C-alpha atoms as a PDB file:
ATOM      1  CA  MET A   1      18.224   5.647   3.517  1.00  0.00           C
ATOM      2  CA  SER A   2      20.222   8.589   2.294  1.00  0.00           C
ATOM      3  CA  ASP A   3      19.308   7.605  -1.273  1.00  0.00           C
ATOM      4  CA  VAL A   4      15.699   8.672  -0.728  1.00  0.00           C
ATOM      5  CA  PRO A   5      15.210  12.246  -1.978  1.00  0.00           C
ATOM      6  CA  ARG A   6      12.913  14.793  -0.425  1.00  0.00           C
ATOM      7  CA  GLY A   7       9.309  13.683  -0.867  1.00  0.00           C
ATOM      8  CA  GLY A   8      10.272  10.016  -0.895  1.00  0.00           C
ATOM      9  CA  ARG A   9      10.128   9.436  -4.677  1.00  0.00           C
ATOM     10  CA  VAL A  10      12.910   7.678  -6.567  1.00  0.00           C
ATOM     11  CA  ASP A  11      13.179   5.840  -9.857  1.00  0.00           C
ATOM     12  CA  PRO A  12      13.738   2.140  -9.041  1.00  0.00           C
ATOM     13  CA  ARG A  13      15.155   1.587 -12.519  1.00  0.00           C
ATOM     14  CA  THR A  14      18.149   3.801 -11.717  1.00  0.00           C
ATOM     15  CA  GLN A  15      18.166   3.318  -7.923  1.00  0.00           C
ATOM     16  CA  PRO A  16      16.837  -0.203  -7.357  1.00  0.00           C
ATOM     17  CA  HIS A  17      18.344  -0.312  -3.872  1.00  0.00           C
ATOM     18  CA  ALA A  18      16.426   2.716  -2.653  1.00  0.00           C
ATOM     19  CA  VAL A  19      13.307   2.553  -0.541  1.00  0.00           C
ATOM     20  CA  ILE A  20      10.212   4.280  -1.944  1.00  0.00           C
ATOM     21  CA  HIS A  21       7.898   5.616   0.743  1.00  0.00           C
ATOM     22  CA  GLN A  22       4.707   7.309  -0.425  1.00  0.00           C
ATOM     23  CA  GLY A  23       2.510   8.833   2.237  1.00  0.00           C
ATOM     24  CA  ILE A  24       5.084   8.215   4.992  1.00  0.00           C
ATOM     25  CA  PRO A  25       6.424  11.357   6.729  1.00  0.00           C
ATOM     26  CA  GLU A  26      10.015  12.306   5.971  1.00  0.00           C
ATOM     27  CA  HIS A  27      11.028  12.020   9.610  1.00  0.00           C
ATOM     28  CA  ALA A  28       9.998   8.347   9.556  1.00  0.00           C
ATOM     29  CA  LEU A  29      12.921   7.709   7.208  1.00  0.00           C
ATOM     30  CA  ARG A  30      15.409   9.028   9.751  1.00  0.00           C
ATOM     31  CA  PRO A  31      16.618   7.265  12.905  1.00  0.00           C
ATOM     32  CA  ARG A  32      14.513   8.051  15.945  1.00  0.00           C
ATOM     33  CA  THR A  33      16.422  10.002  18.582  1.00  0.00           C
ATOM     34  CA  ALA A  34      15.551  11.638  21.874  1.00  0.00           C
ATOM     35  CA  SER A  35      15.172  14.959  20.090  1.00  0.00           C
ATOM     36  CA  GLY A  36      13.025  13.522  17.300  1.00  0.00           C
ATOM     37  CA  PRO A  37       9.320  14.152  16.714  1.00  0.00           C
ATOM     38  CA  LEU A  38       8.163  10.977  18.514  1.00  0.00           C
ATOM     39  CA  THR A  39       7.775  10.454  22.243  1.00  0.00           C
ATOM     40  CA  ARG A  40       7.250   6.776  23.104  1.00  0.00           C
ATOM     41  CA  VAL A  41       5.810   5.619  26.426  1.00  0.00           C
ATOM     42  CA  ASP A  42       5.427   1.893  27.162  1.00  0.00           C
ATOM     43  CA  GLN A  43       2.749   0.781  29.598  1.00  0.00           C
ATOM     44  CA  THR A  44       2.138  -2.755  30.851  1.00  0.00           C
ATOM     45  CA  THR A  45      -1.529  -3.700  31.123  1.00  0.00           C
ATOM     46  CA  GLY A  46      -3.515  -6.900  31.483  1.00  0.00           C
ATOM     47  CA  GLU A  47      -3.504  -7.150  27.687  1.00  0.00           C
ATOM     48  CA  GLY A  48       0.245  -6.806  27.403  1.00  0.00           C
ATOM     49  CA  VAL A  49       2.485  -3.884  26.474  1.00  0.00           C
ATOM     50  CA  VAL A  50       0.733  -0.847  25.013  1.00  0.00           C
ATOM     51  CA  ARG A  51       2.752   1.876  23.382  1.00  0.00           C
ATOM     52  CA  ARG A  52       1.493   5.426  23.264  1.00  0.00           C
ATOM     53  CA  VAL A  53       3.128   7.332  20.433  1.00  0.00           C
ATOM     54  CA  ILE A  54       2.784  11.107  20.661  1.00  0.00           C
ATOM     55  CA  ARG A  55       3.568  12.950  17.451  1.00  0.00           C
ATOM     56  CA  THR A  56       4.338  16.646  17.304  1.00  0.00           C
ATOM     57  CA  ASN A  57       4.030  18.786  14.190  1.00  0.00           C
ATOM     58  CA  SER A  58       2.167  16.034  12.350  1.00  0.00           C
ATOM     59  CA  PRO A  59       2.055  16.709   8.593  1.00  0.00           C
ATOM     60  CA  TYR A  60      -1.466  15.268   8.466  1.00  0.00           C
ATOM     61  CA  SER A  61      -3.138  17.214  11.261  1.00  0.00           C
ATOM     62  CA  PRO A  62      -3.137  20.885  12.279  1.00  0.00           C
ATOM     63  CA  THR A  63      -2.910  19.838  15.935  1.00  0.00           C
ATOM     64  CA  ASP A  64      -0.818  17.379  17.896  1.00  0.00           C
ATOM     65  CA  GLY A  65      -2.354  13.972  18.538  1.00  0.00           C
ATOM     66  CA  SER A  66      -1.672  10.523  19.878  1.00  0.00           C
ATOM     67  CA  LEU A  67      -2.411   6.983  18.831  1.00  0.00           C
ATOM     68  CA  VAL A  68      -2.195   3.835  20.925  1.00  0.00           C
ATOM     69  CA  VAL A  69      -0.305   1.027  19.204  1.00  0.00           C
ATOM     70  CA  ARG A  70      -0.388  -2.384  20.855  1.00  0.00           C
ATOM     71  CA  LEU A  71       2.900  -4.244  20.703  1.00  0.00           C
ATOM     72  CA  PRO A  72       4.070  -6.378  19.150  1.00  0.00           C
ATOM     73  CA  ALA A  73       2.810  -5.109  15.796  1.00  0.00           C
ATOM     74  CA  HIS A  74       1.100  -7.925  13.884  1.00  0.00           C
ATOM     75  CA  ILE A  75       2.635  -8.556  10.468  1.00  0.00           C
ATOM     76  CA  ALA A  76       1.204 -10.680   7.639  1.00  0.00           C
ATOM     77  CA  ILE A  77       3.314 -11.687   4.630  1.00  0.00           C
ATOM     78  CA  VAL A  78       1.758 -12.788   1.330  1.00  0.00           C
ATOM     79  CA  ASP A  79       4.269 -13.841  -1.317  1.00  0.00           C
ATOM     80  CA  GLN A  80       4.460 -16.782  -3.697  1.00  0.00           C
ATOM     81  CA  GLU A  81       8.234 -17.137  -3.131  1.00  0.00           C
ATOM     82  CA  THR A  82       8.788 -19.487  -0.192  1.00  0.00           C
ATOM     83  CA  LEU A  83      12.456 -18.553   0.248  1.00  0.00           C
ATOM     84  CA  PHE A  84      11.669 -14.843   0.420  1.00  0.00           C
ATOM     85  CA  ARG A  85       8.936 -15.358   3.010  1.00  0.00           C
ATOM     86  CA  THR A  86      11.225 -17.536   5.100  1.00  0.00           C
ATOM     87  CA  MET A  87      13.982 -14.907   5.041  1.00  0.00           C
ATOM     88  CA  VAL A  88      11.620 -12.119   6.117  1.00  0.00           C
ATOM     89  CA  VAL A  89      10.068 -14.209   8.898  1.00  0.00           C
ATOM     90  CA  ASP A  90      13.538 -15.095  10.198  1.00  0.00           C
ATOM     91  CA  ALA A  91      14.660 -11.463  10.132  1.00  0.00           C
ATOM     92  CA  LEU A  92      11.560 -10.174  11.961  1.00  0.00           C
ATOM     93  CA  ALA A  93      11.688 -12.924  14.595  1.00  0.00           C
ATOM     94  CA  ARG A  94      14.634 -11.143  16.222  1.00  0.00           C
ATOM     95  CA  ASP A  95      12.678  -7.955  16.935  1.00  0.00           C
ATOM     96  CA  PRO A  96      10.358  -8.113  19.985  1.00  0.00           C
ATOM     97  CA  GLU A  97       8.224  -5.240  18.650  1.00  0.00           C
ATOM     98  CA  LEU A  98       7.196  -7.189  15.544  1.00  0.00           C
ATOM     99  CA  LYS A  99       5.274 -10.469  15.279  1.00  0.00           C
ATOM    100  CA  VAL A 100       4.567 -12.379  12.069  1.00  0.00           C
ATOM    101  CA  ILE A 101       1.074 -13.786  12.481  1.00  0.00           C
ATOM    102  CA  ALA A 102       0.811 -15.299   8.979  1.00  0.00           C
ATOM    103  CA  SER A 103       3.134 -16.260   6.116  1.00  0.00           C
ATOM    104  CA  LEU A 104       1.039 -17.184   3.074  1.00  0.00           C
ATOM    105  CA  ASP A 105       1.727 -18.073  -0.552  1.00  0.00           C
ATOM    106  CA  SER A 106      -1.549 -17.111  -2.245  1.00  0.00           C
ATOM    107  CA  VAL A 107      -4.312 -14.526  -2.380  1.00  0.00           C
ATOM    108  CA  ALA A 108      -6.964 -17.149  -1.639  1.00  0.00           C
ATOM    109  CA  LYS A 109      -5.237 -18.261   1.561  1.00  0.00           C
ATOM    110  CA  ALA A 110      -4.745 -14.640   2.609  1.00  0.00           C
ATOM    111  CA  ARG A 111      -8.450 -13.859   2.212  1.00  0.00           C
ATOM    112  CA  ASP A 112      -9.366 -16.930   4.244  1.00  0.00           C
ATOM    113  CA  VAL A 113      -6.833 -16.395   7.047  1.00  0.00           C
ATOM    114  CA  LEU A 114      -6.500 -12.619   7.388  1.00  0.00           C
ATOM    115  CA  THR A 115      -9.994 -11.194   6.916  1.00  0.00           C
ATOM    116  CA  ASN A 116     -11.010 -11.698  10.545  1.00  0.00           C
ATOM    117  CA  ARG A 117      -7.596 -11.322  12.166  1.00  0.00           C
ATOM    118  CA  ARG A 118      -5.774  -8.283  13.467  1.00  0.00           C
ATOM    119  CA  VAL A 119      -3.183  -7.131  10.932  1.00  0.00           C
ATOM    120  CA  ASP A 120      -1.189  -3.941  11.532  1.00  0.00           C
ATOM    121  CA  LEU A 121       0.970  -4.298   8.422  1.00  0.00           C
ATOM    122  CA  LEU A 122       0.481  -6.341   5.256  1.00  0.00           C
ATOM    123  CA  ILE A 123       3.664  -7.146   3.343  1.00  0.00           C
ATOM    124  CA  VAL A 124       2.715  -8.303  -0.149  1.00  0.00           C
ATOM    125  CA  ASP A 125       4.063  -8.642  -3.676  1.00  0.00           C
ATOM    126  CA  VAL A 126       1.830  -7.345  -6.467  1.00  0.00           C
ATOM    127  CA  GLU A 127       2.345 -10.560  -8.452  1.00  0.00           C
ATOM    128  CA  GLN A 128       0.702 -13.647  -6.936  1.00  0.00           C
ATOM    129  CA  ARG A 129       0.006 -17.021  -8.526  1.00  0.00           C
ATOM    130  CA  ASP A 130      -3.760 -16.661  -8.118  1.00  0.00           C
ATOM    131  CA  GLY A 131      -4.477 -12.953  -8.344  1.00  0.00           C
ATOM    132  CA  SER A 132      -3.360  -9.418  -7.636  1.00  0.00           C
ATOM    133  CA  GLY A 133      -1.567  -8.539  -4.414  1.00  0.00           C
ATOM    134  CA  ALA A 134      -2.661  -4.940  -4.856  1.00  0.00           C
ATOM    135  CA  HIS A 135      -6.312  -5.919  -5.055  1.00  0.00           C
ATOM    136  CA  LEU A 136      -5.892  -8.100  -1.970  1.00  0.00           C
ATOM    137  CA  ALA A 137      -4.382  -5.178  -0.064  1.00  0.00           C
ATOM    138  CA  ALA A 138      -7.281  -2.936  -1.034  1.00  0.00           C
ATOM    139  CA  GLU A 139      -9.832  -5.574  -0.002  1.00  0.00           C
ATOM    140  CA  LEU A 140      -8.210  -6.049   3.413  1.00  0.00           C
ATOM    141  CA  GLN A 141      -8.004  -2.305   4.003  1.00  0.00           C
ATOM    142  CA  ARG A 142     -11.750  -2.180   3.464  1.00  0.00           C
ATOM    143  CA  VAL A 143     -12.270  -4.179   6.660  1.00  0.00           C
ATOM    144  CA  LYS A 144      -9.053  -2.995   8.347  1.00  0.00           C
ATOM    145  CA  PRO A 145      -8.860   0.744   7.571  1.00  0.00           C
ATOM    146  CA  ARG A 146      -5.889   1.292   9.914  1.00  0.00           C
ATOM    147  CA  MET A 147      -3.822  -1.478   8.341  1.00  0.00           C
ATOM    148  CA  ARG A 148      -0.686  -0.349   6.549  1.00  0.00           C
ATOM    149  CA  VAL A 149       0.570  -1.878   3.296  1.00  0.00           C
ATOM    150  CA  LEU A 150       4.184  -2.426   2.244  1.00  0.00           C
ATOM    151  CA  ILE A 151       4.666  -3.658  -1.329  1.00  0.00           C
ATOM    152  CA  ILE A 152       7.940  -5.603  -1.659  1.00  0.00           C
ATOM    153  CA  THR A 153       8.522  -6.562  -5.270  1.00  0.00           C
ATOM    154  CA  ARG A 154      11.006  -6.735  -8.137  1.00  0.00           C
ATOM    155  CA  HIS A 155       8.604  -4.875 -10.414  1.00  0.00           C
ATOM    156  CA  ASP A 156       8.440  -1.145 -11.038  1.00  0.00           C
ATOM    157  CA  VAL A 157       5.270  -0.183  -9.155  1.00  0.00           C
ATOM    158  CA  THR A 158       5.974   3.534  -8.909  1.00  0.00           C
ATOM    159  CA  ALA A 159       2.665   4.240 -10.656  1.00  0.00           C
ATOM    160  CA  LEU A 160       0.750   2.075  -8.205  1.00  0.00           C
ATOM    161  CA  ILE A 161       2.314   3.740  -5.161  1.00  0.00           C
ATOM    162  CA  GLU A 162       1.734   7.204  -6.602  1.00  0.00           C
ATOM    163  CA  SER A 163      -1.904   6.366  -7.288  1.00  0.00           C
ATOM    164  CA  THR A 164      -2.507   5.170  -3.728  1.00  0.00           C
ATOM    165  CA  ARG A 165      -1.104   8.464  -2.501  1.00  0.00           C
ATOM    166  CA  ARG A 166      -3.571  10.303  -4.715  1.00  0.00           C
ATOM    167  CA  HIS A 167      -6.662   8.163  -4.228  1.00  0.00           C
ATOM    168  CA  LEU A 168      -6.571   6.115  -1.017  1.00  0.00           C
ATOM    169  CA  HIS A 169      -7.095   7.260   2.560  1.00  0.00           C
ATOM    170  CA  ARG A 170      -4.007   5.368   3.717  1.00  0.00           C
ATOM    171  CA  PRO A 171      -1.263   5.454   1.068  1.00  0.00           C
ATOM    172  CA  TRP A 172       0.994   2.441   0.663  1.00  0.00           C
ATOM    173  CA  SER A 173       4.781   2.089   0.762  1.00  0.00           C
ATOM    174  CA  GLN A 174       7.174   0.110  -1.438  1.00  0.00           C
ATOM    175  CA  LEU A 175      10.549  -1.583  -1.131  1.00  0.00           C
ATOM    176  CA  SER A 176      12.430  -3.177  -4.003  1.00  0.00           C
ATOM    177  CA  LYS A 177      13.438  -6.823  -3.652  1.00  0.00           C
ATOM    178  CA  LEU A 178      16.656  -5.693  -5.330  1.00  0.00           C
ATOM    179  CA  SER A 179      17.402  -3.523  -2.310  1.00  0.00           C
ATOM    180  CA  ARG A 180      20.879  -3.665  -0.779  1.00  0.00           C
ATOM    181  CA  ILE A 181      19.854  -2.405   2.659  1.00  0.00           C
ATOM    182  CA  GLY A 182      20.541  -5.749   4.375  1.00  0.00           C
ATOM    183  CA  ARG A 183      18.776  -7.569   7.211  1.00  0.00           C
ATOM    184  CA  ASP A 184      18.911  -4.729   9.739  1.00  0.00           C
ATOM    185  CA  GLY A 185      17.747  -2.198   7.171  1.00  0.00           C
ATOM    186  CA  LEU A 186      14.857  -4.431   6.171  1.00  0.00           C
ATOM    187  CA  VAL A 187      13.713  -4.854   9.774  1.00  0.00           C
ATOM    188  CA  GLU A 188      13.996  -1.130  10.469  1.00  0.00           C
ATOM    189  CA  THR A 189      12.039  -0.264   7.313  1.00  0.00           C
ATOM    190  CA  ILE A 190       9.250  -2.686   8.192  1.00  0.00           C
ATOM    191  CA  LYS A 191       9.118  -1.413  11.779  1.00  0.00           C
ATOM    192  CA  ARG A 192       8.850   2.212  10.732  1.00  0.00           C
ATOM    193  CA  VAL A 193       6.023   1.489   8.318  1.00  0.00           C
ATOM    194  CA  ALA A 194       4.211  -0.710  10.861  1.00  0.00           C
ATOM    195  CA  LEU A 195       4.495   1.686  13.820  1.00  0.00           C
ATOM    196  CA  ASP A 196       4.213   5.053  12.078  1.00  0.00           C
ATOM    197  CA  THR A 197       1.103   6.935  13.188  1.00  0.00           C
ATOM    198  CA  GLY A 198       0.713   9.396  10.308  1.00  0.00           C
ATOM    199  CA  GLN A 199      -2.323   9.040   8.044  1.00  0.00           C
ATOM    200  CA  ALA A 200      -2.956  11.080   4.947  1.00  0.00           C
ATOM    201  CA  SER A 201      -6.419  12.209   3.942  1.00  0.00           C
ATOM    202  CA  ALA A 202      -7.879  11.065   0.665  1.00  0.00           C
ATOM    203  CA  PRO A 203      -8.265  13.757  -2.017  1.00  0.00           C
ATOM    204  CA  ALA A 204     -11.653  15.412  -2.184  1.00  0.00           C
ATOM    205  CA  ALA A 205     -12.186  13.919  -5.644  1.00  0.00           C
ATOM    206  CA  VAL A 206     -12.473  10.470  -4.107  1.00  0.00           C
ATOM    207  CA  ARG A 207     -15.398  11.477  -1.904  1.00  0.00           C
ATOM    208  CA  ARG A 208     -17.757  12.379  -4.747  1.00  0.00           C
ATOM    209  CA  ASP A 209     -19.079   9.934  -7.314  1.00  0.00           C
ATOM    210  CA  PRO A 210     -16.829  10.359 -10.349  1.00  0.00           C
ATOM    211  CA  PHE A 211     -18.246   7.252 -12.035  1.00  0.00           C
ATOM    212  CA  ALA A 212     -21.814   8.499 -12.475  1.00  0.00           C
ATOM    213  CA  PRO A 213     -21.164   9.965 -15.976  1.00  0.00           C
ATOM    214  CA  LEU A 214     -19.671   6.688 -17.294  1.00  0.00           C
ATOM    215  CA  THR A 215     -21.791   4.498 -19.543  1.00  0.00           C
ATOM    216  CA  GLY A 216     -22.565   0.899 -18.674  1.00  0.00           C
ATOM    217  CA  GLN A 217     -20.096  -0.331 -21.276  1.00  0.00           C
ATOM    218  CA  GLN A 218     -17.361   1.970 -19.964  1.00  0.00           C
ATOM    219  CA  MET A 219     -17.910   0.654 -16.421  1.00  0.00           C
ATOM    220  CA  ALA A 220     -17.695  -2.910 -17.759  1.00  0.00           C
ATOM    221  CA  VAL A 221     -14.370  -2.072 -19.411  1.00  0.00           C
ATOM    222  CA  LEU A 222     -13.017  -0.489 -16.232  1.00  0.00           C
ATOM    223  CA  ARG A 223     -14.062  -3.432 -14.051  1.00  0.00           C
ATOM    224  CA  LEU A 224     -12.335  -5.907 -16.359  1.00  0.00           C
ATOM    225  CA  ILE A 225      -9.219  -3.741 -16.442  1.00  0.00           C
ATOM    226  CA  SER A 226      -9.212  -3.692 -12.632  1.00  0.00           C
ATOM    227  CA  ASP A 227      -9.324  -7.516 -12.677  1.00  0.00           C
ATOM    228  CA  GLY A 228      -6.088  -7.561 -14.659  1.00  0.00           C
ATOM    229  CA  TYR A 229      -7.383  -8.166 -18.179  1.00  0.00           C
ATOM    230  CA  THR A 230      -5.456  -6.724 -21.125  1.00  0.00           C
ATOM    231  CA  ASN A 231      -7.152  -4.496 -23.685  1.00  0.00           C
ATOM    232  CA  GLN A 232      -7.351  -7.430 -26.117  1.00  0.00           C
ATOM    233  CA  GLN A 233      -8.911  -9.714 -23.480  1.00  0.00           C
ATOM    234  CA  VAL A 234     -11.448  -7.040 -22.570  1.00  0.00           C
ATOM    235  CA  ALA A 235     -12.368  -6.658 -26.230  1.00  0.00           C
ATOM    236  CA  GLU A 236     -12.896 -10.406 -26.596  1.00  0.00           C
ATOM    237  CA  ARG A 237     -15.031 -10.702 -23.466  1.00  0.00           C
ATOM    238  CA  LEU A 238     -17.261  -7.766 -24.381  1.00  0.00           C
ATOM    239  CA  GLY A 239     -17.437  -8.473 -28.115  1.00  0.00           C
ATOM    240  CA  LEU A 240     -15.743  -5.190 -29.012  1.00  0.00           C
ATOM    241  CA  SER A 241     -12.778  -4.236 -31.146  1.00  0.00           C
ATOM    242  CA  ARG A 242      -9.519  -3.417 -29.395  1.00  0.00           C
ATOM    243  CA  ARG A 243      -9.688   0.130 -30.799  1.00  0.00           C
ATOM    244  CA  THR A 244     -13.121   0.585 -29.197  1.00  0.00           C
ATOM    245  CA  VAL A 245     -11.748  -0.531 -25.835  1.00  0.00           C
ATOM    246  CA  GLU A 246      -8.838   1.902 -26.149  1.00  0.00           C
ATOM    247  CA  ASN A 247     -11.250   4.726 -27.004  1.00  0.00           C
ATOM    248  CA  HIS A 248     -13.382   3.816 -24.002  1.00  0.00           C
ATOM    249  CA  LEU A 249     -10.319   3.996 -21.748  1.00  0.00           C
ATOM    250  CA  LEU A 250      -9.404   7.451 -23.059  1.00  0.00           C
ATOM    251  CA  SER A 251     -12.950   8.616 -22.346  1.00  0.00           C
ATOM    252  CA  ILE A 252     -12.831   7.046 -18.872  1.00  0.00           C
ATOM    253  CA  TYR A 253      -9.586   8.857 -18.009  1.00  0.00           C
ATOM    254  CA  ARG A 254     -11.014  12.147 -19.221  1.00  0.00           C
ATOM    255  CA  THR A 255     -14.289  11.680 -17.312  1.00  0.00           C
ATOM    256  CA  LEU A 256     -12.492  10.731 -14.094  1.00  0.00           C
ATOM    257  CA  GLY A 257     -10.236  13.756 -14.351  1.00  0.00           C
ATOM    258  CA  ILE A 258      -7.082  11.686 -14.763  1.00  0.00           C
ATOM    259  CA  GLY A 259      -4.700  13.867 -16.692  1.00  0.00           C
ATOM    260  CA  ASP A 260      -1.178  13.719 -18.071  1.00  0.00           C
ATOM    261  CA  ASP A 261       0.263  14.470 -14.637  1.00  0.00           C
ATOM    262  CA  GLU A 262      -0.711  10.974 -13.486  1.00  0.00           C
ATOM    263  CA  VAL A 263       2.219   8.540 -13.480  1.00  0.00           C
ATOM    264  CA  ASN A 264       0.051   5.877 -15.126  1.00  0.00           C
ATOM    265  CA  PRO A 265      -3.577   6.700 -15.986  1.00  0.00           C
ATOM    266  CA  ARG A 266      -4.563   3.023 -16.232  1.00  0.00           C
ATOM    267  CA  VAL A 267      -3.376   2.280 -12.695  1.00  0.00           C
ATOM    268  CA  ALA A 268      -4.834   5.540 -11.383  1.00  0.00           C
ATOM    269  CA  ALA A 269      -8.267   4.631 -12.774  1.00  0.00           C
ATOM    270  CA  VAL A 270      -8.149   1.162 -11.212  1.00  0.00           C
ATOM    271  CA  LEU A 271      -7.114   2.519  -7.787  1.00  0.00           C
ATOM    272  CA  LEU A 272      -9.863   5.117  -7.964  1.00  0.00           C
ATOM    273  CA  LEU A 273     -12.361   2.339  -8.715  1.00  0.00           C
ATOM    274  CA  LEU A 274     -11.073   0.269  -5.798  1.00  0.00           C
ATOM    275  CA  SER A 275     -11.306   3.252  -3.465  1.00  0.00           C
ATOM    276  CA  ARG A 276     -14.992   3.556  -4.326  1.00  0.00           C
ATOM    277  CA  THR A 277     -16.146  -0.063  -4.602  1.00  0.00           C
ATOM    278  CA  LEU A 278     -14.153  -1.157  -1.559  1.00  0.00           C
ATOM    279  CA  LYS A 279     -15.026   2.031   0.379  1.00  0.00           C
ATOM    280  CA  LEU A 280     -11.430   2.785   1.359  1.00  0.00           C
END
């Protein structure tokens, strides 16, 4: 954990073993101690163990607050790699505060199984055999706004994580599959993401309608881009030249206020679209 710099941002290309946490308070990356910012009180009720987590000096609220978290936290894993899912399920089975309620190998199965079930944390890879893990996460957060998302992948998704921090009400976290943190480190990382009570507010820009100035053709381009189509595929579907599609994208970025400070304007535009159409 010491590899994570202040602010939680690292370059996975130079530090593939490091954990990237966007939108997770710094103290959540440190071991919890009696003098830490969390006070945990377990209560046994007719519904099982309920944990009241009281946070002081919350970075997301001007006043102290509390949130009831029912244990064990319900975890869902969506990954096309059977061996990886099996390893994670086995590791989490040893922690009584965590419970894997689903281990699935496709987006379609996840939609069918998870939509109407309690999920406290979704662990998902962005690359799935039948769709986008990121889109799935956004869809599930639409109906489960308190659900957390942990992207575990071999890909560099720094831009995606940065864009969720900018545009979504509940930013996501990421862990590289190339990580060297080991079994215990993996379990501790998952637990801290699942049980953390901090929630960032979405930027004000998300709450207005930034898409109103876009033309119908520009919206069609953006929707196809959000579905994973390349510029060439978008051009073919809409009967446009590739240069026209590229010009449309530049105009879309400018209209949406996505500037050079964005890590990846294409990803930022897609996440902004998801935050609106999925009402995150």
